[in-house]
Amino acid sequence: MLDEGAELELRDIGKERLTESELDALVGAEDYRKFLNPRNELYRERKMGEKPPARAEAIRLMAEEPNLIRRPVVLAGRRVVLGYDEAALRGMAGDAGARNSRKKKAR
């Protein structure tokens, strides 16, 4: 994304965890199940793929166990990309690069 001209702000959610209210805002109207990491041990132990927790419980669990969150989580305005989706990330980076170049031209 940096090669595409995007500016990134990084947050290590293992060290600086997301709060329940941050997760609630991040999930917004999206399907909260998309945010759950199917590779996580807790996800597999609780068979969340077959029987997902309620939204509030999922948010609580993700706040307690950040590895339960599918990563990377990339935000650009209201757009959210979860997991490594190269095409979506390139599209997002291209949009950010175009905005940055317009800002530079406007100066």
N, C-alpha and C. Protein backbone atom coordinates (compact mmCIF):
# COMPACT_ATOMS: atom_id res chain seq x y z
N MET A 1 0.82 -1.18 0.00
CA MET A 1 0.00 0.00 0.00
C MET A 1 0.87 1.25 0.00
N LEU A 2 1.99 1.16 0.67
CA LEU A 2 2.88 2.31 0.69
C LEU A 2 3.39 2.63 -0.70
N ASP A 3 3.63 1.58 -1.50
CA ASP A 3 4.08 1.79 -2.88
C ASP A 3 3.03 2.52 -3.70
N GLU A 4 1.78 2.43 -3.32
CA GLU A 4 0.68 3.07 -4.03
C GLU A 4 0.45 4.50 -3.55
N GLY A 5 1.25 4.97 -2.58
CA GLY A 5 1.12 6.34 -2.10
C GLY A 5 0.22 6.51 -0.89
N ALA A 6 -0.16 5.39 -0.26
CA ALA A 6 -1.04 5.48 0.91
C ALA A 6 -0.23 5.86 2.15
N GLU A 7 -0.85 6.61 3.02
CA GLU A 7 -0.26 6.92 4.31
C GLU A 7 -0.90 6.00 5.32
N LEU A 8 -0.08 5.32 6.12
CA LEU A 8 -0.61 4.35 7.08
C LEU A 8 -0.34 4.77 8.51
N GLU A 9 -1.31 4.48 9.36
CA GLU A 9 -1.14 4.61 10.79
C GLU A 9 -1.29 3.21 11.34
N LEU A 10 -0.25 2.68 11.94
CA LEU A 10 -0.26 1.30 12.41
C LEU A 10 -0.60 1.24 13.89
N ARG A 11 -1.30 0.16 14.25
CA ARG A 11 -1.62 -0.09 15.66
C ARG A 11 -1.48 -1.58 15.90
N ASP A 12 -0.62 -1.94 16.82
CA ASP A 12 -0.43 -3.34 17.20
C ASP A 12 -1.52 -3.68 18.20
N ILE A 13 -2.60 -4.33 17.72
CA ILE A 13 -3.74 -4.58 18.60
C ILE A 13 -3.46 -5.67 19.64
N GLY A 14 -2.34 -6.35 19.49
CA GLY A 14 -1.92 -7.28 20.54
C GLY A 14 -1.41 -6.53 21.76
N LYS A 15 -0.75 -5.39 21.52
CA LYS A 15 -0.20 -4.59 22.60
C LYS A 15 -1.14 -3.47 23.01
N GLU A 16 -1.82 -2.89 22.05
CA GLU A 16 -2.77 -1.80 22.31
C GLU A 16 -4.14 -2.26 21.83
N ARG A 17 -4.80 -3.02 22.69
CA ARG A 17 -6.05 -3.68 22.32
C ARG A 17 -7.16 -2.70 22.00
N LEU A 18 -8.05 -3.16 21.13
CA LEU A 18 -9.26 -2.39 20.83
C LEU A 18 -10.25 -2.60 21.96
N THR A 19 -10.93 -1.53 22.34
CA THR A 19 -11.95 -1.63 23.38
C THR A 19 -13.24 -2.16 22.75
N GLU A 20 -14.17 -2.54 23.59
CA GLU A 20 -15.46 -3.00 23.08
C GLU A 20 -16.14 -1.90 22.29
N SER A 21 -16.06 -0.66 22.76
CA SER A 21 -16.71 0.43 22.02
C SER A 21 -16.01 0.69 20.69
N GLU A 22 -14.68 0.57 20.64
CA GLU A 22 -13.96 0.72 19.36
C GLU A 22 -14.36 -0.39 18.40
N LEU A 23 -14.44 -1.61 18.91
CA LEU A 23 -14.85 -2.73 18.06
C LEU A 23 -16.29 -2.57 17.57
N ASP A 24 -17.16 -2.11 18.45
CA ASP A 24 -18.55 -1.89 18.08
C ASP A 24 -18.64 -0.87 16.94
N ALA A 25 -17.88 0.22 17.06
CA ALA A 25 -17.86 1.24 16.01
C ALA A 25 -17.23 0.70 14.73
N LEU A 26 -16.18 -0.09 14.86
CA LEU A 26 -15.50 -0.67 13.70
C LEU A 26 -16.43 -1.60 12.94
N VAL A 27 -17.11 -2.46 13.65
CA VAL A 27 -18.03 -3.41 13.03
C VAL A 27 -19.21 -2.66 12.42
N GLY A 28 -19.72 -1.67 13.14
CA GLY A 28 -20.83 -0.87 12.63
C GLY A 28 -21.99 -1.74 12.18
N ALA A 29 -22.46 -1.52 10.98
CA ALA A 29 -23.59 -2.27 10.43
C ALA A 29 -23.14 -3.53 9.69
N GLU A 30 -21.83 -3.76 9.63
CA GLU A 30 -21.30 -4.94 8.94
C GLU A 30 -21.69 -6.21 9.69
N ASP A 31 -21.56 -7.32 9.03
CA ASP A 31 -21.77 -8.62 9.67
C ASP A 31 -20.57 -8.89 10.57
N TYR A 32 -20.78 -8.88 11.87
CA TYR A 32 -19.69 -9.04 12.84
C TYR A 32 -18.93 -10.34 12.64
N ARG A 33 -19.57 -11.35 12.07
CA ARG A 33 -18.91 -12.66 11.89
C ARG A 33 -17.72 -12.56 10.94
N LYS A 34 -17.73 -11.58 10.03
CA LYS A 34 -16.61 -11.38 9.11
C LYS A 34 -15.35 -10.98 9.85
N PHE A 35 -15.49 -10.43 11.05
CA PHE A 35 -14.35 -9.95 11.82
C PHE A 35 -13.70 -11.07 12.63
N LEU A 36 -14.36 -12.21 12.75
CA LEU A 36 -13.82 -13.33 13.53
C LEU A 36 -12.80 -14.11 12.71
N ASN A 37 -11.69 -14.43 13.33
CA ASN A 37 -10.59 -15.12 12.67
C ASN A 37 -10.78 -16.64 12.79
N PRO A 38 -11.12 -17.31 11.68
CA PRO A 38 -11.36 -18.75 11.75
C PRO A 38 -10.12 -19.58 12.07
N ARG A 39 -8.94 -18.97 12.02
CA ARG A 39 -7.70 -19.69 12.35
C ARG A 39 -7.39 -19.66 13.84
N ASN A 40 -8.15 -18.85 14.58
CA ASN A 40 -7.90 -18.70 16.00
C ASN A 40 -8.35 -19.95 16.76
N GLU A 41 -7.59 -20.31 17.78
CA GLU A 41 -7.88 -21.52 18.57
C GLU A 41 -9.25 -21.43 19.26
N LEU A 42 -9.56 -20.27 19.85
CA LEU A 42 -10.84 -20.09 20.52
C LEU A 42 -12.00 -20.24 19.53
N TYR A 43 -11.82 -19.69 18.34
CA TYR A 43 -12.84 -19.82 17.28
C TYR A 43 -13.11 -21.29 16.99
N ARG A 44 -12.04 -22.07 16.86
CA ARG A 44 -12.18 -23.50 16.55
C ARG A 44 -12.74 -24.27 17.74
N GLU A 45 -12.24 -23.98 18.95
CA GLU A 45 -12.71 -24.69 20.15
C GLU A 45 -14.22 -24.51 20.35
N ARG A 46 -14.68 -23.29 20.13
CA ARG A 46 -16.10 -22.99 20.34
C ARG A 46 -16.95 -23.23 19.09
N LYS A 47 -16.29 -23.72 18.04
CA LYS A 47 -16.98 -24.02 16.77
C LYS A 47 -17.84 -22.84 16.31
N MET A 48 -17.19 -21.66 16.32
CA MET A 48 -17.89 -20.44 15.97
C MET A 48 -18.35 -20.41 14.51
N GLY A 49 -17.71 -21.18 13.66
CA GLY A 49 -18.15 -21.24 12.27
C GLY A 49 -19.52 -21.87 12.16
N GLU A 50 -19.79 -22.86 13.01
CA GLU A 50 -21.08 -23.55 13.00
C GLU A 50 -22.10 -22.86 13.89
N LYS A 51 -21.61 -22.35 15.02
CA LYS A 51 -22.51 -21.72 16.00
C LYS A 51 -21.86 -20.42 16.48
N PRO A 52 -21.98 -19.34 15.68
CA PRO A 52 -21.33 -18.09 16.06
C PRO A 52 -21.97 -17.48 17.32
N PRO A 53 -21.16 -16.78 18.10
CA PRO A 53 -21.72 -16.11 19.27
C PRO A 53 -22.59 -14.94 18.83
N ALA A 54 -23.40 -14.43 19.75
CA ALA A 54 -24.18 -13.22 19.47
C ALA A 54 -23.21 -12.06 19.26
N ARG A 55 -23.67 -11.02 18.60
CA ARG A 55 -22.81 -9.88 18.27
C ARG A 55 -22.12 -9.32 19.50
N ALA A 56 -22.85 -9.04 20.56
CA ALA A 56 -22.26 -8.46 21.78
C ALA A 56 -21.21 -9.38 22.38
N GLU A 57 -21.48 -10.67 22.37
CA GLU A 57 -20.52 -11.64 22.90
C GLU A 57 -19.27 -11.70 22.02
N ALA A 58 -19.45 -11.66 20.71
CA ALA A 58 -18.31 -11.68 19.79
C ALA A 58 -17.42 -10.46 20.01
N ILE A 59 -18.03 -9.30 20.17
CA ILE A 59 -17.26 -8.08 20.41
C ILE A 59 -16.52 -8.17 21.73
N ARG A 60 -17.18 -8.67 22.77
CA ARG A 60 -16.51 -8.84 24.07
C ARG A 60 -15.32 -9.78 23.94
N LEU A 61 -15.50 -10.89 23.24
CA LEU A 61 -14.44 -11.87 23.08
C LEU A 61 -13.27 -11.30 22.27
N MET A 62 -13.57 -10.55 21.21
CA MET A 62 -12.50 -9.94 20.41
C MET A 62 -11.73 -8.91 21.21
N ALA A 63 -12.41 -8.18 22.10
CA ALA A 63 -11.72 -7.21 22.96
C ALA A 63 -10.79 -7.92 23.94
N GLU A 64 -11.21 -9.08 24.44
CA GLU A 64 -10.39 -9.85 25.38
C GLU A 64 -9.27 -10.61 24.68
N GLU A 65 -9.54 -11.10 23.50
CA GLU A 65 -8.59 -11.94 22.76
C GLU A 65 -8.38 -11.36 21.36
N PRO A 66 -7.42 -10.42 21.22
CA PRO A 66 -7.24 -9.75 19.94
C PRO A 66 -6.88 -10.70 18.78
N ASN A 67 -6.34 -11.87 19.07
CA ASN A 67 -6.05 -12.81 17.99
C ASN A 67 -7.32 -13.39 17.38
N LEU A 68 -8.45 -13.15 18.01
CA LEU A 68 -9.72 -13.60 17.47
C LEU A 68 -10.19 -12.68 16.33
N ILE A 69 -9.54 -11.52 16.19
CA ILE A 69 -9.89 -10.56 15.14
C ILE A 69 -9.13 -10.92 13.86
N ARG A 70 -9.86 -11.02 12.77
CA ARG A 70 -9.23 -11.28 11.47
C ARG A 70 -8.37 -10.08 11.12
N ARG A 71 -7.14 -10.33 10.70
CA ARG A 71 -6.20 -9.25 10.38
C ARG A 71 -5.53 -9.48 9.05
N PRO A 72 -5.00 -8.41 8.48
CA PRO A 72 -5.04 -7.04 8.96
C PRO A 72 -6.43 -6.43 8.84
N VAL A 73 -6.66 -5.41 9.64
CA VAL A 73 -7.85 -4.59 9.53
C VAL A 73 -7.37 -3.26 8.97
N VAL A 74 -7.83 -2.92 7.79
CA VAL A 74 -7.39 -1.69 7.13
C VAL A 74 -8.61 -0.80 6.92
N LEU A 75 -8.50 0.43 7.40
CA LEU A 75 -9.59 1.40 7.31
C LEU A 75 -9.18 2.56 6.42
N ALA A 76 -10.11 3.00 5.61
CA ALA A 76 -9.93 4.22 4.82
C ALA A 76 -11.29 4.88 4.74
N GLY A 77 -11.47 5.91 5.54
CA GLY A 77 -12.79 6.52 5.62
C GLY A 77 -13.76 5.52 6.19
N ARG A 78 -14.80 5.22 5.43
CA ARG A 78 -15.79 4.24 5.88
C ARG A 78 -15.53 2.85 5.33
N ARG A 79 -14.52 2.72 4.50
CA ARG A 79 -14.20 1.41 3.91
C ARG A 79 -13.36 0.59 4.88
N VAL A 80 -13.68 -0.70 4.97
CA VAL A 80 -12.94 -1.62 5.83
C VAL A 80 -12.56 -2.84 4.99
N VAL A 81 -11.30 -3.23 5.06
CA VAL A 81 -10.84 -4.46 4.43
C VAL A 81 -10.31 -5.35 5.54
N LEU A 82 -10.81 -6.59 5.58
CA LEU A 82 -10.40 -7.56 6.59
C LEU A 82 -9.60 -8.67 5.94
N GLY A 83 -8.52 -9.07 6.60
CA GLY A 83 -7.70 -10.14 6.06
C GLY A 83 -6.90 -9.64 4.87
N TYR A 84 -6.07 -10.50 4.36
CA TYR A 84 -5.22 -10.09 3.25
C TYR A 84 -5.98 -10.30 1.95
N ASP A 85 -6.61 -9.25 1.47
CA ASP A 85 -7.34 -9.25 0.20
C ASP A 85 -6.58 -8.28 -0.70
N GLU A 86 -5.64 -8.82 -1.47
CA GLU A 86 -4.72 -7.98 -2.24
C GLU A 86 -5.45 -7.00 -3.16
N ALA A 87 -6.46 -7.48 -3.87
CA ALA A 87 -7.17 -6.61 -4.81
C ALA A 87 -7.86 -5.45 -4.07
N ALA A 88 -8.52 -5.76 -2.96
CA ALA A 88 -9.20 -4.71 -2.19
C ALA A 88 -8.20 -3.73 -1.59
N LEU A 89 -7.07 -4.24 -1.11
CA LEU A 89 -6.05 -3.37 -0.53
C LEU A 89 -5.43 -2.47 -1.59
N ARG A 90 -5.18 -3.02 -2.77
CA ARG A 90 -4.63 -2.20 -3.86
C ARG A 90 -5.62 -1.11 -4.28
N GLY A 91 -6.88 -1.48 -4.34
CA GLY A 91 -7.91 -0.50 -4.69
C GLY A 91 -7.98 0.60 -3.65
N MET A 92 -7.91 0.22 -2.40
CA MET A 92 -7.95 1.19 -1.31
C MET A 92 -6.72 2.09 -1.36
N ALA A 93 -5.55 1.49 -1.61
CA ALA A 93 -4.31 2.26 -1.69
C ALA A 93 -4.34 3.20 -2.88
N GLY A 94 -4.87 2.74 -3.99
CA GLY A 94 -4.99 3.60 -5.17
C GLY A 94 -5.87 4.79 -4.90
N ASP A 95 -6.97 4.57 -4.20
CA ASP A 95 -7.87 5.67 -3.83
C ASP A 95 -7.15 6.67 -2.93
N ALA A 96 -6.40 6.16 -1.96
CA ALA A 96 -5.67 7.03 -1.03
C ALA A 96 -4.57 7.79 -1.76
N GLY A 97 -3.88 7.11 -2.67
CA GLY A 97 -2.83 7.77 -3.44
C GLY A 97 -3.38 8.88 -4.31
N ALA A 98 -4.54 8.65 -4.91
CA ALA A 98 -5.18 9.67 -5.73
C ALA A 98 -5.58 10.87 -4.88
N ARG A 99 -6.12 10.63 -3.69
CA ARG A 99 -6.49 11.73 -2.80
C ARG A 99 -5.26 12.51 -2.37
N ASN A 100 -4.17 11.79 -2.05
CA ASN A 100 -2.96 12.47 -1.63
C ASN A 100 -2.37 13.32 -2.74
N SER A 101 -2.40 12.81 -3.97
CA SER A 101 -1.85 13.60 -5.08
C SER A 101 -2.72 14.81 -5.35
N ARG A 102 -4.04 14.71 -5.18
CA ARG A 102 -4.91 15.88 -5.35
C ARG A 102 -4.61 16.91 -4.27
N LYS A 103 -4.36 16.45 -3.04
CA LYS A 103 -4.03 17.37 -1.96
C LYS A 103 -2.74 18.10 -2.27
N LYS A 104 -1.74 17.37 -2.78
CA LYS A 104 -0.45 17.99 -3.09
C LYS A 104 -0.60 19.01 -4.21
N LYS A 105 -1.43 18.72 -5.20
CA LYS A 105 -1.64 19.64 -6.31
C LYS A 105 -2.38 20.88 -5.85
N ALA A 106 -3.23 20.74 -4.85
CA ALA A 106 -4.02 21.86 -4.38
C ALA A 106 -3.21 22.85 -3.57
N ARG A 107 -2.08 22.43 -3.09
CA ARG A 107 -1.24 23.31 -2.24
C ARG A 107 -0.57 24.35 -3.04
